Amino acid sequence: MSLFFKHKAKKKRPAIFFDLVGTLLDVAQPVGEVYCKILNEFGIDSDPRVLQKHFNEVFNATKIRPKGTIPKDGQDKDFWMKLVRTVLEKSGINTNSFSFASYFEKLYSYYARKEAWLPYPEVFNALQRISELQFPLFVASNWDNRAKTVLRQWGMAHFFAGIYLSAELGASKPMALFYESILLRTNSYWESLFFVEDDPQMQPPFYPGIYVYLLKRPEKNLFDFLYQLQRYGID
């Protein structure tokens, strides 16, 4: 994908907003395996392949949220609790046969820890290089405040001038309100900006000066994005 951006001398560098999961971070273990492992701690036998299949189905069906369903308190437990319960029930697990609330809390807490996530191999070096080129860097993610903990534990938070999360803004991608909220908070940084995304469904609506780089792993990574920036003379 080419970038529709032409460099003009003496203009501010474009701000760059990175998605998180699928763009900077990957799960350290398949979700189905994690669900299965924690279910075992509650005495429940399960098949990680079945859990993974139903997680993919449920998540893909619910990742675009209806307006007004996203909290502003930084947490998004109700959404994730409903999703997890649906995944288990579709997988043939009776959520009334054990302490589902305790199971969910353990699962929710697990994904707030460093060991649940792995940065993609080039991420640290690419962020360092882009940062050295003095681009203002931000995060824009459909996640909750666990993201800040994970980025801090991985030693990545210092790269970003701001971390913007759907559960703190009360709106999620691809809703226009999500992007409008970010623009209001960052308009001193940019005359143009890029959103680096791995999911084409999460691209922003059209605004003048906003561009999207669609990251398609494993074919493309962040060094391909950096190459595009430099190709257009932004170095």
Protein backbone atom coordinates (compact mmCIF):
# COMPACT_ATOMS: atom_id res chain seq x y z
CA MET A 1 0.00 0.00 0.00
CA SER A 2 1.38 3.37 -0.93
CA LEU A 3 1.09 6.44 1.26
CA PHE A 4 -0.74 9.42 -0.18
CA PHE A 5 1.59 11.97 1.37
CA LYS A 6 3.97 14.43 -0.18
CA HIS A 7 6.55 16.12 1.97
CA LYS A 8 6.60 19.89 2.11
CA ALA A 9 9.60 21.69 3.53
CA LYS A 10 9.39 23.29 6.96
CA LYS A 11 6.14 21.61 7.92
CA LYS A 12 5.74 19.73 11.15
CA ARG A 13 6.45 16.06 10.92
CA PRO A 14 3.25 14.00 10.78
CA ALA A 15 2.13 12.43 14.01
CA ILE A 16 1.98 8.64 13.91
CA PHE A 17 -0.69 6.65 15.75
CA PHE A 18 -0.10 2.93 16.23
CA ASP A 19 -2.66 0.26 16.87
CA LEU A 20 -1.54 -2.29 19.47
CA VAL A 21 -2.65 -5.91 19.09
CA GLY A 22 -1.67 -7.16 15.65
CA THR A 23 0.42 -4.06 14.98
CA LEU A 24 2.88 -3.75 17.88
CA LEU A 25 1.92 -6.69 20.09
CA ASP A 26 0.99 -10.32 19.54
CA VAL A 27 -0.36 -12.80 22.09
CA ALA A 28 2.38 -14.89 23.63
CA GLN A 29 0.16 -18.00 23.50
CA PRO A 30 -2.93 -18.73 21.39
CA VAL A 31 -6.05 -17.52 23.18
CA GLY A 32 -7.62 -20.98 23.15
CA GLU A 33 -4.64 -22.43 25.00
CA VAL A 34 -4.82 -19.73 27.67
CA TYR A 35 -8.57 -20.20 28.16
CA CYS A 36 -8.03 -23.97 28.40
CA LYS A 37 -5.14 -23.74 30.85
CA ILE A 38 -7.06 -21.53 33.27
CA LEU A 39 -10.19 -23.69 32.93
CA ASN A 40 -8.05 -26.64 34.04
CA GLU A 41 -7.30 -24.76 37.26
CA PHE A 42 -11.07 -24.76 37.91
CA GLY A 43 -11.38 -28.47 37.18
CA ILE A 44 -12.91 -28.01 33.73
CA ASP A 45 -11.69 -30.07 30.79
CA SER A 46 -11.72 -28.32 27.43
CA ASP A 47 -10.25 -28.40 23.94
CA PRO A 48 -8.04 -25.39 23.13
CA ARG A 49 -8.77 -25.76 19.40
CA VAL A 50 -12.51 -25.52 20.00
CA LEU A 51 -12.05 -22.55 22.32
CA GLN A 52 -9.84 -20.81 19.75
CA LYS A 53 -12.38 -21.40 16.97
CA HIS A 54 -15.22 -19.91 18.97
CA PHE A 55 -13.11 -17.05 20.29
CA ASN A 56 -12.29 -16.05 16.71
CA GLU A 57 -15.95 -16.24 15.72
CA VAL A 58 -17.25 -14.28 18.70
CA PHE A 59 -14.51 -11.65 18.65
CA ASN A 60 -14.87 -11.01 14.92
CA ALA A 61 -18.63 -10.66 15.33
CA THR A 62 -18.35 -8.16 18.19
CA LYS A 63 -15.18 -6.14 17.54
CA ILE A 64 -17.14 -3.33 15.90
CA ARG A 65 -19.09 -2.04 18.86
CA PRO A 66 -22.50 -0.36 18.83
CA LYS A 67 -22.52 3.30 19.75
CA GLY A 68 -22.76 3.90 23.48
CA THR A 69 -21.45 0.50 24.61
CA ILE A 70 -17.91 1.60 25.48
CA PRO A 71 -17.23 2.81 29.04
CA LYS A 72 -15.07 5.80 29.97
CA ASP A 73 -13.69 4.43 33.25
CA GLY A 74 -10.64 2.84 31.63
CA GLN A 75 -11.95 -0.69 32.10
CA ASP A 76 -14.07 -2.73 29.74
CA LYS A 77 -14.93 -5.71 31.90
CA ASP A 78 -18.58 -6.04 30.94
CA PHE A 79 -17.71 -6.46 27.26
CA TRP A 80 -14.98 -9.00 27.92
CA MET A 81 -17.05 -10.92 30.48
CA LYS A 82 -19.90 -11.30 27.99
CA LEU A 83 -17.46 -12.32 25.26
CA VAL A 84 -15.72 -14.94 27.42
CA ARG A 85 -19.01 -16.40 28.65
CA THR A 86 -20.25 -16.68 25.05
CA VAL A 87 -17.02 -18.37 23.94
CA LEU A 88 -17.22 -20.94 26.73
CA GLU A 89 -20.89 -21.69 26.18
CA LYS A 90 -20.41 -22.08 22.42
CA SER A 91 -17.59 -24.49 23.29
CA GLY A 92 -19.97 -26.67 25.30
CA ILE A 93 -18.88 -25.49 28.76
CA ASN A 94 -21.58 -24.83 31.36
CA THR A 95 -20.56 -21.54 32.99
CA ASN A 96 -22.86 -22.31 35.95
CA SER A 97 -20.87 -25.45 36.83
CA PHE A 98 -17.93 -23.54 38.34
CA SER A 99 -17.07 -20.06 39.58
CA PHE A 100 -17.19 -18.25 36.27
CA ALA A 101 -16.67 -14.85 37.93
CA SER A 102 -13.40 -16.03 39.51
CA TYR A 103 -12.32 -17.61 36.23
CA PHE A 104 -13.00 -14.40 34.36
CA GLU A 105 -11.09 -12.27 36.87
CA LYS A 106 -8.07 -14.53 36.52
CA LEU A 107 -8.26 -14.39 32.75
CA TYR A 108 -8.76 -10.62 32.69
CA SER A 109 -5.79 -10.12 35.02
CA TYR A 110 -3.60 -12.42 32.93
CA TYR A 111 -3.95 -10.18 29.89
CA ALA A 112 -2.80 -7.20 31.95
CA ARG A 113 0.64 -8.76 32.38
CA LYS A 114 3.77 -8.64 30.27
CA GLU A 115 3.99 -12.40 29.88
CA ALA A 116 0.66 -12.50 28.00
CA TRP A 117 2.09 -10.45 25.13
CA LEU A 118 5.09 -10.34 22.81
CA PRO A 119 6.18 -7.34 20.76
CA TYR A 120 6.75 -8.28 17.14
CA PRO A 121 10.47 -8.83 16.44
CA GLU A 122 11.20 -5.47 14.78
CA VAL A 123 9.05 -3.28 17.02
CA PHE A 124 11.66 -1.94 19.45
CA ASN A 125 14.21 -1.14 16.76
CA ALA A 126 11.64 0.41 14.46
CA LEU A 127 10.08 2.57 17.19
CA GLN A 128 13.55 3.68 18.28
CA ARG A 129 14.45 4.70 14.74
CA ILE A 130 11.16 6.50 14.09
CA SER A 131 11.49 8.25 17.44
CA GLU A 132 15.04 9.35 16.60
CA LEU A 133 13.63 10.95 13.44
CA GLN A 134 11.52 13.09 15.79
CA PHE A 135 8.08 11.98 14.76
CA PRO A 136 5.45 12.45 17.47
CA LEU A 137 4.32 8.92 18.33
CA PHE A 138 1.03 7.85 19.89
CA VAL A 139 -1.06 4.76 20.53
CA ALA A 140 -4.69 4.57 19.36
CA SER A 141 -6.24 1.26 20.41
CA ASN A 142 -9.57 -0.44 21.03
CA TRP A 143 -8.43 -1.62 24.43
CA ASP A 144 -8.64 -0.64 28.07
CA ASN A 145 -6.17 0.57 30.68
CA ARG A 146 -4.44 -2.82 30.78
CA ALA A 147 -2.64 -1.60 27.65
CA LYS A 148 -0.73 1.01 29.63
CA THR A 149 0.42 -1.60 32.13
CA VAL A 150 1.61 -3.94 29.38
CA LEU A 151 3.45 -1.18 27.49
CA ARG A 152 5.10 0.00 30.70
CA GLN A 153 6.15 -3.51 31.71
CA TRP A 154 7.64 -4.10 28.25
CA GLY A 155 9.56 -0.81 28.43
CA MET A 156 7.70 0.65 25.44
CA ALA A 157 5.58 3.39 27.01
CA HIS A 158 8.35 6.00 26.79
CA PHE A 159 8.14 6.01 22.99
CA PHE A 160 4.68 7.56 23.04
CA ALA A 161 3.57 11.11 23.70
CA GLY A 162 0.06 9.82 24.39
CA ILE A 163 -1.82 6.54 24.71
CA TYR A 164 -5.46 6.77 23.63
CA LEU A 165 -7.75 3.87 24.49
CA SER A 166 -11.37 3.24 23.59
CA ALA A 167 -12.31 2.43 27.20
CA GLU A 168 -11.06 5.86 28.30
CA LEU A 169 -12.54 7.81 25.38
CA GLY A 170 -15.97 6.16 25.44
CA ALA A 171 -15.78 5.42 21.72
CA SER A 172 -13.98 2.83 19.63
CA LYS A 173 -12.54 2.45 16.16
CA PRO A 174 -13.86 2.84 13.49
CA MET A 175 -16.39 5.32 14.99
CA ALA A 176 -15.75 8.91 13.93
CA LEU A 177 -16.03 10.01 17.57
CA PHE A 178 -12.93 7.98 18.46
CA TYR A 179 -10.81 9.86 15.93
CA GLU A 180 -12.39 13.23 16.66
CA SER A 181 -11.57 12.80 20.36
CA ILE A 182 -7.93 12.07 19.50
CA LEU A 183 -7.64 15.01 17.11
CA LEU A 184 -8.95 17.40 19.75
CA ARG A 185 -6.29 16.18 22.18
CA THR A 186 -3.35 16.26 19.77
CA ASN A 187 -3.95 19.08 17.30
CA SER A 188 -0.82 20.95 18.39
CA TYR A 189 1.34 18.06 17.19
CA TRP A 190 0.33 17.62 13.60
CA GLU A 191 -0.48 19.11 10.26
CA SER A 192 -0.96 15.58 8.95
CA LEU A 193 -0.94 12.19 10.58
CA PHE A 194 -0.77 8.47 9.94
CA PHE A 195 -2.71 5.65 11.54
CA VAL A 196 -0.75 2.40 11.36
CA GLU A 197 -3.27 -0.46 11.44
CA ASP A 198 -3.33 -4.20 10.81
CA ASP A 199 -7.12 -4.46 10.43
CA PRO A 200 -8.70 -2.82 7.35
CA GLN A 201 -12.03 -2.65 9.19
CA MET A 202 -10.51 -0.22 11.69
CA GLN A 203 -9.47 2.49 9.25
CA PRO A 204 -10.59 6.03 10.14
CA PRO A 205 -13.22 7.90 8.17
CA PHE A 206 -11.83 10.44 5.73
CA TYR A 207 -10.40 13.63 7.16
CA PRO A 208 -8.07 15.99 5.29
CA GLY A 209 -4.49 15.25 6.34
CA ILE A 210 -5.16 11.76 7.70
CA TYR A 211 -3.50 8.78 6.07
CA VAL A 212 -3.51 5.06 6.80
CA TYR A 213 -0.71 2.54 6.51
CA LEU A 214 -2.15 -0.97 6.48
CA LEU A 215 0.33 -3.34 8.06
CA LYS A 216 -0.04 -6.86 6.67
CA ARG A 217 2.08 -9.26 8.66
CA PRO A 218 4.14 -11.21 7.79
CA GLU A 219 4.42 -9.55 4.36
CA LYS A 220 4.99 -6.08 5.84
CA ASN A 221 6.32 -4.82 9.14
CA LEU A 222 7.21 -1.47 10.71
CA PHE A 223 10.43 -1.15 8.73
CA ASP A 224 8.34 -1.18 5.56
CA PHE A 225 6.40 1.75 7.01
CA LEU A 226 9.64 3.54 7.86
CA TYR A 227 10.85 2.93 4.32
CA GLN A 228 7.70 4.56 2.97
CA LEU A 229 8.26 7.60 5.18
CA GLN A 230 11.84 7.94 3.98
CA ARG A 231 10.84 7.30 0.38
CA TYR A 232 8.73 10.43 0.53
CA GLY A 233 11.64 12.43 1.86
CA ILE A 234 10.61 12.50 5.53
CA ASP A 235 13.95 11.65 7.10
